[in-house]
């Protein structure tokens, strides 16, 4: 039952993209490139893992988060 539903959903989107005009494909390529830049490139260079780099273990990280969340 579930496999059939997932297969039908996959086939729906696959057929839609296959029959799309070249203009539509170009727009989707631009959208996917922008998403890649936003979520991968920006994450790597502009949003470092502050907790992992400044604290040694999970207990210290959790304590730091708890202190910052409960401060007035």
N, C-alpha and C. Protein backbone atom coordinates (compact mmCIF):
# COMPACT_ATOMS: atom_id res chain seq x y z
N UNK A 1 0.83 -1.20 0.00
CA UNK A 1 0.00 0.00 0.00
C UNK A 1 0.88 1.27 0.00
N UNK A 2 1.81 1.38 0.98
CA UNK A 2 2.64 2.58 1.05
C UNK A 2 3.58 2.69 -0.14
N UNK A 3 4.12 1.55 -0.58
CA UNK A 3 5.03 1.60 -1.72
C UNK A 3 4.29 2.09 -2.96
N UNK A 4 3.07 1.65 -3.11
CA UNK A 4 2.29 2.07 -4.26
C UNK A 4 2.05 3.58 -4.23
N UNK A 5 1.78 4.12 -3.05
CA UNK A 5 1.54 5.57 -2.92
C UNK A 5 2.82 6.33 -3.25
N UNK A 6 3.96 5.88 -2.69
CA UNK A 6 5.22 6.56 -2.97
C UNK A 6 5.59 6.46 -4.44
N UNK A 7 5.34 5.33 -5.03
CA UNK A 7 5.62 5.15 -6.46
C UNK A 7 4.77 6.09 -7.29
N UNK A 8 3.50 6.23 -6.95
CA UNK A 8 2.62 7.12 -7.71
C UNK A 8 3.04 8.58 -7.55
N UNK A 9 3.47 8.97 -6.35
CA UNK A 9 3.94 10.34 -6.13
C UNK A 9 5.21 10.59 -6.94
N UNK A 10 6.16 9.63 -6.88
CA UNK A 10 7.41 9.74 -7.65
C UNK A 10 7.11 9.86 -9.13
N UNK A 11 6.23 9.02 -9.64
CA UNK A 11 5.89 9.02 -11.06
C UNK A 11 5.24 10.34 -11.46
N UNK A 12 4.39 10.89 -10.59
CA UNK A 12 3.73 12.17 -10.85
C UNK A 12 4.77 13.27 -11.07
N UNK A 13 5.72 13.38 -10.13
CA UNK A 13 6.73 14.43 -10.25
C UNK A 13 7.70 14.16 -11.39
N UNK A 14 8.08 12.91 -11.59
CA UNK A 14 9.00 12.56 -12.66
C UNK A 14 8.41 12.90 -14.02
N UNK A 15 7.16 12.54 -14.23
CA UNK A 15 6.51 12.86 -15.50
C UNK A 15 6.36 14.38 -15.67
N UNK A 16 6.07 15.07 -14.59
CA UNK A 16 5.94 16.53 -14.66
C UNK A 16 7.23 17.20 -15.08
N UNK A 17 8.35 16.78 -14.48
CA UNK A 17 9.63 17.37 -14.84
C UNK A 17 10.07 16.94 -16.23
N UNK A 18 9.74 15.74 -16.62
CA UNK A 18 10.13 15.26 -17.94
C UNK A 18 9.41 16.05 -19.04
N UNK A 19 8.17 16.41 -18.81
CA UNK A 19 7.38 17.13 -19.81
C UNK A 19 7.48 18.65 -19.69
N UNK A 20 8.34 19.13 -18.81
CA UNK A 20 8.45 20.56 -18.58
C UNK A 20 9.20 21.23 -19.73
N UNK A 21 8.88 22.48 -19.98
CA UNK A 21 9.57 23.22 -21.05
C UNK A 21 10.99 23.55 -20.62
N UNK A 22 11.81 23.94 -21.57
CA UNK A 22 13.21 24.25 -21.25
C UNK A 22 13.31 25.47 -20.33
N UNK A 23 12.40 26.40 -20.47
CA UNK A 23 12.38 27.58 -19.60
C UNK A 23 12.12 27.17 -18.15
N UNK A 24 11.18 26.26 -17.98
CA UNK A 24 10.87 25.78 -16.64
C UNK A 24 12.03 25.04 -16.01
N UNK A 25 12.73 24.24 -16.80
CA UNK A 25 13.91 23.52 -16.28
C UNK A 25 14.99 24.50 -15.86
N UNK A 26 15.20 25.56 -16.63
CA UNK A 26 16.21 26.55 -16.28
C UNK A 26 15.86 27.24 -14.96
N UNK A 27 14.60 27.52 -14.77
CA UNK A 27 14.16 28.15 -13.52
C UNK A 27 14.42 27.21 -12.34
N UNK A 28 14.11 25.92 -12.50
CA UNK A 28 14.35 24.95 -11.43
C UNK A 28 15.84 24.80 -11.15
N UNK A 29 16.69 24.87 -12.15
CA UNK A 29 18.13 24.79 -11.93
C UNK A 29 18.60 25.99 -11.11
N UNK A 30 18.09 27.18 -11.43
CA UNK A 30 18.45 28.38 -10.66
C UNK A 30 17.97 28.24 -9.22
N UNK A 31 16.76 27.76 -9.01
CA UNK A 31 16.23 27.58 -7.65
C UNK A 31 17.10 26.60 -6.86
N UNK A 32 17.45 25.48 -7.46
CA UNK A 32 18.27 24.48 -6.76
C UNK A 32 19.67 25.01 -6.45
N UNK A 33 20.25 25.77 -7.37
CA UNK A 33 21.56 26.37 -7.10
C UNK A 33 21.48 27.37 -5.94
N UNK A 34 20.43 28.17 -5.90
CA UNK A 34 20.28 29.13 -4.81
C UNK A 34 20.10 28.42 -3.48
N UNK A 35 19.33 27.34 -3.46
CA UNK A 35 19.16 26.57 -2.22
C UNK A 35 20.48 25.96 -1.77
N UNK A 36 21.25 25.44 -2.72
CA UNK A 36 22.56 24.89 -2.39
C UNK A 36 23.45 25.95 -1.76
N UNK A 37 23.49 27.13 -2.35
CA UNK A 37 24.32 28.21 -1.81
C UNK A 37 23.85 28.59 -0.43
N UNK A 38 22.54 28.74 -0.24
CA UNK A 38 22.03 29.16 1.06
C UNK A 38 22.29 28.15 2.16
N UNK A 39 22.06 26.89 1.90
CA UNK A 39 22.14 25.90 2.96
C UNK A 39 23.51 25.25 3.12
N UNK A 40 24.33 25.21 2.10
CA UNK A 40 25.62 24.54 2.22
C UNK A 40 26.75 25.56 2.35
N UNK A 41 26.88 26.43 1.39
CA UNK A 41 28.00 27.37 1.37
C UNK A 41 27.92 28.34 2.55
N UNK A 42 26.77 28.95 2.76
CA UNK A 42 26.65 29.91 3.86
C UNK A 42 26.82 29.24 5.21
N UNK A 43 26.31 28.02 5.36
CA UNK A 43 26.46 27.29 6.63
C UNK A 43 27.92 27.02 6.92
N UNK A 44 28.68 26.62 5.92
CA UNK A 44 30.09 26.30 6.14
C UNK A 44 30.93 27.51 6.52
N UNK A 45 30.70 28.64 5.86
CA UNK A 45 31.60 29.77 6.04
C UNK A 45 31.11 30.83 7.01
N UNK A 46 29.80 30.99 7.17
CA UNK A 46 29.31 32.09 8.00
C UNK A 46 28.63 31.67 9.29
N UNK A 47 28.33 30.40 9.46
CA UNK A 47 27.68 29.94 10.67
C UNK A 47 28.44 28.76 11.26
N UNK A 48 29.59 29.02 11.88
CA UNK A 48 30.36 27.93 12.45
C UNK A 48 29.65 27.34 13.66
N UNK A 49 30.05 26.13 14.03
CA UNK A 49 29.45 25.45 15.17
C UNK A 49 30.07 26.02 16.45
N UNK A 50 29.43 27.04 17.01
CA UNK A 50 29.95 27.74 18.18
C UNK A 50 30.10 26.82 19.38
N UNK A 51 29.09 26.02 19.65
CA UNK A 51 29.12 25.17 20.83
C UNK A 51 30.21 24.10 20.73
N UNK A 52 30.37 23.51 19.57
CA UNK A 52 31.36 22.44 19.41
C UNK A 52 32.79 22.99 19.52
N UNK A 53 33.00 24.20 19.04
CA UNK A 53 34.35 24.75 19.06
C UNK A 53 34.72 25.36 20.42
N UNK A 54 33.73 25.73 21.24
CA UNK A 54 34.04 26.40 22.51
C UNK A 54 33.86 25.52 23.74
N UNK A 55 33.25 24.37 23.62
CA UNK A 55 33.02 23.50 24.76
C UNK A 55 33.46 22.08 24.42
N UNK A 56 33.96 21.38 25.44
CA UNK A 56 34.56 20.06 25.22
C UNK A 56 33.54 18.93 25.17
N UNK A 57 32.47 19.00 25.96
CA UNK A 57 31.54 17.88 26.01
C UNK A 57 30.09 18.36 26.01
N UNK A 58 29.18 17.42 25.92
CA UNK A 58 27.75 17.75 25.84
C UNK A 58 27.24 18.39 27.11
N UNK A 59 27.78 18.01 28.24
CA UNK A 59 27.32 18.58 29.51
C UNK A 59 27.60 20.09 29.55
N UNK A 60 28.81 20.48 29.17
CA UNK A 60 29.16 21.91 29.15
C UNK A 60 28.31 22.67 28.13
N UNK A 61 28.10 22.07 26.98
CA UNK A 61 27.26 22.71 25.96
C UNK A 61 25.85 22.91 26.47
N UNK A 62 25.29 21.86 27.07
CA UNK A 62 23.94 21.95 27.61
C UNK A 62 23.82 22.99 28.71
N UNK A 63 24.82 23.06 29.56
CA UNK A 63 24.81 24.06 30.64
C UNK A 63 24.85 25.47 30.07
N UNK A 64 25.67 25.69 29.06
CA UNK A 64 25.76 27.02 28.44
C UNK A 64 24.42 27.42 27.81
N UNK A 65 23.80 26.49 27.09
CA UNK A 65 22.50 26.79 26.47
C UNK A 65 21.46 27.08 27.54
N UNK A 66 21.42 26.28 28.58
CA UNK A 66 20.45 26.47 29.67
C UNK A 66 20.64 27.83 30.34
N UNK A 67 21.88 28.20 30.59
CA UNK A 67 22.14 29.51 31.22
C UNK A 67 21.69 30.66 30.32
N UNK A 68 21.91 30.55 29.03
CA UNK A 68 21.52 31.64 28.12
C UNK A 68 20.03 31.69 27.90
N UNK A 69 19.35 30.56 27.98
CA UNK A 69 17.90 30.56 27.79
C UNK A 69 17.16 31.06 29.01
N UNK A 70 17.73 30.85 30.20
CA UNK A 70 17.01 31.22 31.42
C UNK A 70 17.42 32.57 31.97
N UNK A 71 18.40 33.23 31.37
CA UNK A 71 18.78 34.57 31.82
C UNK A 71 17.68 35.57 31.48
N UNK A 72 17.38 36.47 32.43
CA UNK A 72 16.35 37.48 32.11
C UNK A 72 16.86 38.54 31.15
